[in-house]
Amino acid sequence: MPRQPALARLIRPRWTVSAILWICVLGIMASFQTWRGAYVDGVLFYAITLMLILDRLTGGRIRLINSPLDAPRWVVAAITGALAVVLVLAPRHGWVDLVTMVAIGVTVLVLAWSPRPKLPYRGARAIKRSALLWAIWGVALCAWEATAFTLSVTMPNGLTNYPTISVLLDPIVESLPGRILFVGLWLAGGLSLIGFFRKRGQ
């Protein structure tokens, strides 16, 4: 069998169902954010969508870093604690808040994109069930937010009758105890997604 040209091997796509779904979801989210006037969010989502497309076209060869990051737990905990203080004390929707959120997003993107050692096999059925549950939960929240926002700007008294998730959370995060609780849960959820609470060696 003749060998494929180097260029063909380089750009051979890997269009799995999950990859296509992620690209479609992020593309829809980018378009929605742009339509509602959140241009910064739209640009960020479009950039991630483009990165995923390029990653598939190059067969998964894109690497933001070449080796996995393995910082000590106390370093991660200290950085997370400092970020929590900033998010709690900084004025909402200000520049400090924006820069902190962007820094967190870039860091999580790098961590998620970095190569990781293979974890022990836990069974295809358990993985598929977990992925399905998270997908249903995520799609439901996105559909609620998008539908509520669309109705809130198109229907009479829409903002009152069809509040978005962010509007419902506003009274909670306006108070200091509520903001501490929300920031703590949000950061703890992020740490769990990057495996911070997983026992070393698992």
C-alpha atoms as a PDB file:
ATOM      1  CA  MET A   1       0.000   0.000   0.000  1.00  0.00           C
ATOM      2  CA  PRO A   2       1.500   3.372  -0.963  1.00  0.00           C
ATOM      3  CA  ARG A   3       2.231   5.772   1.869  1.00  0.00           C
ATOM      4  CA  GLN A   4       0.024   8.821   2.196  1.00  0.00           C
ATOM      5  CA  PRO A   5       1.625  12.182   1.465  1.00  0.00           C
ATOM      6  CA  ALA A   6       2.846  14.029   4.537  1.00  0.00           C
ATOM      7  CA  LEU A   7       0.353  16.845   4.008  1.00  0.00           C
ATOM      8  CA  ALA A   8      -2.568  14.394   3.792  1.00  0.00           C
ATOM      9  CA  ARG A   9      -1.492  12.739   7.032  1.00  0.00           C
ATOM     10  CA  LEU A  10      -1.150  16.134   8.684  1.00  0.00           C
ATOM     11  CA  ILE A  11      -4.614  17.431   7.840  1.00  0.00           C
ATOM     12  CA  ARG A  12      -6.472  14.115   8.071  1.00  0.00           C
ATOM     13  CA  PRO A  13      -9.637  15.066   9.997  1.00  0.00           C
ATOM     14  CA  ARG A  14     -11.032  13.169  12.975  1.00  0.00           C
ATOM     15  CA  TRP A  15     -14.663  14.222  12.856  1.00  0.00           C
ATOM     16  CA  THR A  16     -16.145  12.198  15.689  1.00  0.00           C
ATOM     17  CA  VAL A  17     -19.712  12.761  16.785  1.00  0.00           C
ATOM     18  CA  SER A  18     -18.596  14.379  20.037  1.00  0.00           C
ATOM     19  CA  ALA A  19     -16.221  16.732  18.219  1.00  0.00           C
ATOM     20  CA  ILE A  20     -18.923  17.814  15.778  1.00  0.00           C
ATOM     21  CA  LEU A  21     -21.417  18.378  18.602  1.00  0.00           C
ATOM     22  CA  TRP A  22     -18.933  20.476  20.599  1.00  0.00           C
ATOM     23  CA  ILE A  23     -18.119  22.605  17.549  1.00  0.00           C
ATOM     24  CA  CYS A  24     -21.821  23.120  16.775  1.00  0.00           C
ATOM     25  CA  VAL A  25     -22.695  23.997  20.369  1.00  0.00           C
ATOM     26  CA  LEU A  26     -19.837  26.474  20.725  1.00  0.00           C
ATOM     27  CA  GLY A  27     -20.615  27.994  17.331  1.00  0.00           C
ATOM     28  CA  ILE A  28     -24.254  28.475  18.294  1.00  0.00           C
ATOM     29  CA  MET A  29     -23.201  29.969  21.623  1.00  0.00           C
ATOM     30  CA  ALA A  30     -20.817  32.371  19.883  1.00  0.00           C
ATOM     31  CA  SER A  31     -23.542  33.489  17.485  1.00  0.00           C
ATOM     32  CA  PHE A  32     -26.035  33.929  20.319  1.00  0.00           C
ATOM     33  CA  GLN A  33     -23.622  35.999  22.405  1.00  0.00           C
ATOM     34  CA  THR A  34     -22.856  38.198  19.394  1.00  0.00           C
ATOM     35  CA  TRP A  35     -26.561  38.622  18.618  1.00  0.00           C
ATOM     36  CA  ARG A  36     -27.349  39.762  22.147  1.00  0.00           C
ATOM     37  CA  GLY A  37     -24.538  42.323  22.086  1.00  0.00           C
ATOM     38  CA  ALA A  38     -21.985  40.519  24.254  1.00  0.00           C
ATOM     39  CA  TYR A  39     -19.238  40.944  21.668  1.00  0.00           C
ATOM     40  CA  VAL A  40     -16.348  40.005  23.968  1.00  0.00           C
ATOM     41  CA  ASP A  41     -18.051  36.714  24.837  1.00  0.00           C
ATOM     42  CA  GLY A  42     -18.851  36.144  21.170  1.00  0.00           C
ATOM     43  CA  VAL A  43     -15.224  36.623  20.104  1.00  0.00           C
ATOM     44  CA  LEU A  44     -14.013  34.242  22.831  1.00  0.00           C
ATOM     45  CA  PHE A  45     -16.494  31.522  21.837  1.00  0.00           C
ATOM     46  CA  TYR A  46     -15.666  31.961  18.148  1.00  0.00           C
ATOM     47  CA  ALA A  47     -11.943  31.660  18.973  1.00  0.00           C
ATOM     48  CA  ILE A  48     -12.495  28.405  20.886  1.00  0.00           C
ATOM     49  CA  THR A  49     -14.664  27.073  18.054  1.00  0.00           C
ATOM     50  CA  LEU A  50     -11.911  27.855  15.553  1.00  0.00           C
ATOM     51  CA  MET A  51      -9.332  26.160  17.779  1.00  0.00           C
ATOM     52  CA  LEU A  52     -11.447  22.995  17.912  1.00  0.00           C
ATOM     53  CA  ILE A  53     -11.838  22.977  14.118  1.00  0.00           C
ATOM     54  CA  LEU A  54      -8.089  23.404  13.632  1.00  0.00           C
ATOM     55  CA  ASP A  55      -7.444  20.698  16.213  1.00  0.00           C
ATOM     56  CA  ARG A  56      -9.621  18.254  14.255  1.00  0.00           C
ATOM     57  CA  LEU A  57      -8.047  19.233  10.930  1.00  0.00           C
ATOM     58  CA  THR A  58      -4.570  18.585  12.321  1.00  0.00           C
ATOM     59  CA  GLY A  59      -5.589  15.262  13.871  1.00  0.00           C
ATOM     60  CA  GLY A  60      -5.273  16.487  17.460  1.00  0.00           C
ATOM     61  CA  ARG A  61      -1.709  17.700  17.038  1.00  0.00           C
ATOM     62  CA  ILE A  62      -2.262  21.150  18.534  1.00  0.00           C
ATOM     63  CA  ARG A  63      -0.449  21.435  21.873  1.00  0.00           C
ATOM     64  CA  LEU A  64      -0.565  24.528  24.067  1.00  0.00           C
ATOM     65  CA  ILE A  65       2.054  22.881  26.287  1.00  0.00           C
ATOM     66  CA  ASN A  66       4.042  19.699  25.681  1.00  0.00           C
ATOM     67  CA  SER A  67       3.874  18.155  29.157  1.00  0.00           C
ATOM     68  CA  PRO A  68       1.134  18.030  31.796  1.00  0.00           C
ATOM     69  CA  LEU A  69       1.229  20.571  34.625  1.00  0.00           C
ATOM     70  CA  ASP A  70       1.506  18.976  38.048  1.00  0.00           C
ATOM     71  CA  ALA A  71       1.661  21.753  40.636  1.00  0.00           C
ATOM     72  CA  PRO A  72       1.560  20.867  44.346  1.00  0.00           C
ATOM     73  CA  ARG A  73      -1.905  20.985  45.862  1.00  0.00           C
ATOM     74  CA  TRP A  74      -0.976  23.774  48.242  1.00  0.00           C
ATOM     75  CA  VAL A  75       0.073  25.977  45.311  1.00  0.00           C
ATOM     76  CA  VAL A  76      -3.229  25.382  43.526  1.00  0.00           C
ATOM     77  CA  ALA A  77      -5.158  25.990  46.764  1.00  0.00           C
ATOM     78  CA  ALA A  78      -3.256  29.216  47.475  1.00  0.00           C
ATOM     79  CA  ILE A  79      -3.826  30.581  43.968  1.00  0.00           C
ATOM     80  CA  THR A  80      -7.500  29.619  44.103  1.00  0.00           C
ATOM     81  CA  GLY A  81      -7.865  31.319  47.484  1.00  0.00           C
ATOM     82  CA  ALA A  82      -6.297  34.518  46.164  1.00  0.00           C
ATOM     83  CA  LEU A  83      -8.603  34.473  43.144  1.00  0.00           C
ATOM     84  CA  ALA A  84     -11.586  33.947  45.424  1.00  0.00           C
ATOM     85  CA  VAL A  85     -10.664  37.022  47.483  1.00  0.00           C
ATOM     86  CA  VAL A  86     -10.336  39.129  44.337  1.00  0.00           C
ATOM     87  CA  LEU A  87     -13.680  37.951  42.922  1.00  0.00           C
ATOM     88  CA  VAL A  88     -15.465  38.554  46.210  1.00  0.00           C
ATOM     89  CA  LEU A  89     -14.045  42.034  46.855  1.00  0.00           C
ATOM     90  CA  ALA A  90     -13.754  43.421  43.305  1.00  0.00           C
ATOM     91  CA  PRO A  91     -16.695  45.454  41.968  1.00  0.00           C
ATOM     92  CA  ARG A  92     -18.936  43.388  39.732  1.00  0.00           C
ATOM     93  CA  HIS A  93     -18.566  43.945  35.977  1.00  0.00           C
ATOM     94  CA  GLY A  94     -15.414  46.033  36.550  1.00  0.00           C
ATOM     95  CA  TRP A  95     -11.979  45.719  34.951  1.00  0.00           C
ATOM     96  CA  VAL A  96     -10.470  43.803  37.867  1.00  0.00           C
ATOM     97  CA  ASP A  97     -13.325  41.334  37.744  1.00  0.00           C
ATOM     98  CA  LEU A  98     -12.963  40.971  33.952  1.00  0.00           C
ATOM     99  CA  VAL A  99      -9.187  40.451  34.003  1.00  0.00           C
ATOM    100  CA  THR A 100      -9.488  37.866  36.793  1.00  0.00           C
ATOM    101  CA  MET A 101     -12.172  35.913  34.930  1.00  0.00           C
ATOM    102  CA  VAL A 102     -10.147  35.959  31.690  1.00  0.00           C
ATOM    103  CA  ALA A 103      -7.046  34.754  33.561  1.00  0.00           C
ATOM    104  CA  ILE A 104      -9.043  31.888  35.081  1.00  0.00           C
ATOM    105  CA  GLY A 105     -10.488  30.956  31.694  1.00  0.00           C
ATOM    106  CA  VAL A 106      -7.096  30.934  29.961  1.00  0.00           C
ATOM    107  CA  THR A 107      -5.566  28.854  32.762  1.00  0.00           C
ATOM    108  CA  VAL A 108      -8.373  26.288  32.630  1.00  0.00           C
ATOM    109  CA  LEU A 109      -8.084  26.125  28.827  1.00  0.00           C
ATOM    110  CA  VAL A 110      -4.361  25.381  29.079  1.00  0.00           C
ATOM    111  CA  LEU A 111      -4.935  22.743  31.773  1.00  0.00           C
ATOM    112  CA  ALA A 112      -7.749  21.111  29.811  1.00  0.00           C
ATOM    113  CA  TRP A 113      -5.717  21.059  26.591  1.00  0.00           C
ATOM    114  CA  SER A 114      -2.503  19.723  28.144  1.00  0.00           C
ATOM    115  CA  PRO A 115      -1.639  16.048  27.647  1.00  0.00           C
ATOM    116  CA  ARG A 116      -2.516  13.911  30.653  1.00  0.00           C
ATOM    117  CA  PRO A 117      -1.553  10.402  31.686  1.00  0.00           C
ATOM    118  CA  LYS A 118      -4.221   7.779  31.048  1.00  0.00           C
ATOM    119  CA  LEU A 119      -6.489   7.092  34.009  1.00  0.00           C
ATOM    120  CA  PRO A 120      -7.474   3.599  35.109  1.00  0.00           C
ATOM    121  CA  TYR A 121     -10.264   2.146  32.994  1.00  0.00           C
ATOM    122  CA  ARG A 122     -13.625   2.651  34.718  1.00  0.00           C
ATOM    123  CA  GLY A 123     -15.936   1.044  32.173  1.00  0.00           C
ATOM    124  CA  ALA A 124     -17.431   2.414  28.993  1.00  0.00           C
ATOM    125  CA  ARG A 125     -20.978   2.277  30.366  1.00  0.00           C
ATOM    126  CA  ALA A 126     -20.144   4.447  33.394  1.00  0.00           C
ATOM    127  CA  ILE A 127     -18.306   6.987  31.241  1.00  0.00           C
ATOM    128  CA  LYS A 128     -21.153   7.208  28.726  1.00  0.00           C
ATOM    129  CA  ARG A 129     -23.733   7.559  31.497  1.00  0.00           C
ATOM    130  CA  SER A 130     -21.773  10.342  33.166  1.00  0.00           C
ATOM    131  CA  ALA A 131     -21.224  12.146  29.852  1.00  0.00           C
ATOM    132  CA  LEU A 132     -24.927  11.854  29.012  1.00  0.00           C
ATOM    133  CA  LEU A 133     -26.018  13.273  32.377  1.00  0.00           C
ATOM    134  CA  TRP A 134     -23.608  16.210  32.146  1.00  0.00           C
ATOM    135  CA  ALA A 135     -24.680  16.860  28.552  1.00  0.00           C
ATOM    136  CA  ILE A 136     -28.370  16.899  29.477  1.00  0.00           C
ATOM    137  CA  TRP A 137     -27.692  19.231  32.411  1.00  0.00           C
ATOM    138  CA  GLY A 138     -25.567  21.608  30.316  1.00  0.00           C
ATOM    139  CA  VAL A 139     -27.945  21.702  27.355  1.00  0.00           C
ATOM    140  CA  ALA A 140     -30.932  22.286  29.645  1.00  0.00           C
ATOM    141  CA  LEU A 141     -29.253  25.269  31.318  1.00  0.00           C
ATOM    142  CA  CYS A 142     -28.161  26.738  27.980  1.00  0.00           C
ATOM    143  CA  ALA A 143     -31.627  26.282  26.495  1.00  0.00           C
ATOM    144  CA  TRP A 144     -33.239  27.914  29.536  1.00  0.00           C
ATOM    145  CA  GLU A 145     -30.860  30.891  29.417  1.00  0.00           C
ATOM    146  CA  ALA A 146     -31.220  31.395  25.657  1.00  0.00           C
ATOM    147  CA  THR A 147     -35.014  31.052  25.678  1.00  0.00           C
ATOM    148  CA  ALA A 148     -35.427  33.319  28.696  1.00  0.00           C
ATOM    149  CA  PHE A 149     -33.192  36.010  27.226  1.00  0.00           C
ATOM    150  CA  THR A 150     -34.948  35.912  23.851  1.00  0.00           C
ATOM    151  CA  LEU A 151     -38.370  36.230  25.511  1.00  0.00           C
ATOM    152  CA  SER A 152     -37.142  38.932  27.880  1.00  0.00           C
ATOM    153  CA  VAL A 153     -36.189  41.230  24.984  1.00  0.00           C
ATOM    154  CA  THR A 154     -39.099  40.402  22.673  1.00  0.00           C
ATOM    155  CA  MET A 155     -42.142  40.093  24.955  1.00  0.00           C
ATOM    156  CA  PRO A 156     -43.922  42.825  26.969  1.00  0.00           C
ATOM    157  CA  ASN A 157     -42.554  42.939  30.522  1.00  0.00           C
ATOM    158  CA  GLY A 158     -40.198  40.218  29.396  1.00  0.00           C
ATOM    159  CA  LEU A 159     -37.457  40.956  31.914  1.00  0.00           C
ATOM    160  CA  THR A 160     -39.933  40.455  34.758  1.00  0.00           C
ATOM    161  CA  ASN A 161     -41.831  37.500  33.364  1.00  0.00           C
ATOM    162  CA  TYR A 162     -38.905  35.619  31.807  1.00  0.00           C
ATOM    163  CA  PRO A 163     -35.824  36.187  33.976  1.00  0.00           C
ATOM    164  CA  THR A 164     -32.550  34.637  32.920  1.00  0.00           C
ATOM    165  CA  ILE A 165     -30.359  32.650  35.293  1.00  0.00           C
ATOM    166  CA  SER A 166     -28.049  35.630  35.742  1.00  0.00           C
ATOM    167  CA  VAL A 167     -30.992  37.868  36.661  1.00  0.00           C
ATOM    168  CA  LEU A 168     -32.204  35.322  39.210  1.00  0.00           C
ATOM    169  CA  LEU A 169     -28.728  35.157  40.743  1.00  0.00           C
ATOM    170  CA  ASP A 170     -28.281  38.947  40.942  1.00  0.00           C
ATOM    171  CA  PRO A 171     -29.955  39.385  44.371  1.00  0.00           C
ATOM    172  CA  ILE A 172     -27.797  36.590  45.792  1.00  0.00           C
ATOM    173  CA  VAL A 173     -24.424  37.815  44.537  1.00  0.00           C
ATOM    174  CA  GLU A 174     -25.158  41.424  45.482  1.00  0.00           C
ATOM    175  CA  SER A 175     -24.753  40.544  49.168  1.00  0.00           C
ATOM    176  CA  LEU A 176     -21.352  39.669  50.608  1.00  0.00           C
ATOM    177  CA  PRO A 177     -22.400  36.277  52.084  1.00  0.00           C
ATOM    178  CA  GLY A 178     -24.115  35.327  48.833  1.00  0.00           C
ATOM    179  CA  ARG A 179     -21.083  36.321  46.775  1.00  0.00           C
ATOM    180  CA  ILE A 180     -18.759  34.332  49.042  1.00  0.00           C
ATOM    181  CA  LEU A 181     -21.010  31.276  48.703  1.00  0.00           C
ATOM    182  CA  PHE A 182     -21.349  31.609  44.921  1.00  0.00           C
ATOM    183  CA  VAL A 183     -17.627  32.194  44.303  1.00  0.00           C
ATOM    184  CA  GLY A 184     -16.707  29.308  46.597  1.00  0.00           C
ATOM    185  CA  LEU A 185     -19.054  26.870  44.863  1.00  0.00           C
ATOM    186  CA  TRP A 186     -18.012  28.084  41.411  1.00  0.00           C
ATOM    187  CA  LEU A 187     -14.296  27.680  42.083  1.00  0.00           C
ATOM    188  CA  ALA A 188     -14.817  24.330  43.832  1.00  0.00           C
ATOM    189  CA  GLY A 189     -16.716  23.090  40.770  1.00  0.00           C
ATOM    190  CA  GLY A 190     -13.855  24.184  38.531  1.00  0.00           C
ATOM    191  CA  LEU A 191     -11.285  22.446  40.728  1.00  0.00           C
ATOM    192  CA  SER A 192     -13.286  19.241  40.599  1.00  0.00           C
ATOM    193  CA  LEU A 193     -13.407  19.373  36.786  1.00  0.00           C
ATOM    194  CA  ILE A 194      -9.604  19.606  36.551  1.00  0.00           C
ATOM    195  CA  GLY A 195      -9.214  16.721  39.020  1.00  0.00           C
ATOM    196  CA  PHE A 196      -7.962  18.671  42.045  1.00  0.00           C
ATOM    197  CA  PHE A 197      -9.910  16.535  44.524  1.00  0.00           C
ATOM    198  CA  ARG A 198      -8.908  13.254  42.895  1.00  0.00           C
ATOM    199  CA  LYS A 199      -6.428  11.181  44.894  1.00  0.00           C
ATOM    200  CA  ARG A 200      -2.928  11.287  43.483  1.00  0.00           C
ATOM    201  CA  GLY A 201      -2.140   8.217  41.451  1.00  0.00           C
ATOM    202  CA  GLN A 202      -5.766   7.728  40.302  1.00  0.00           C
END
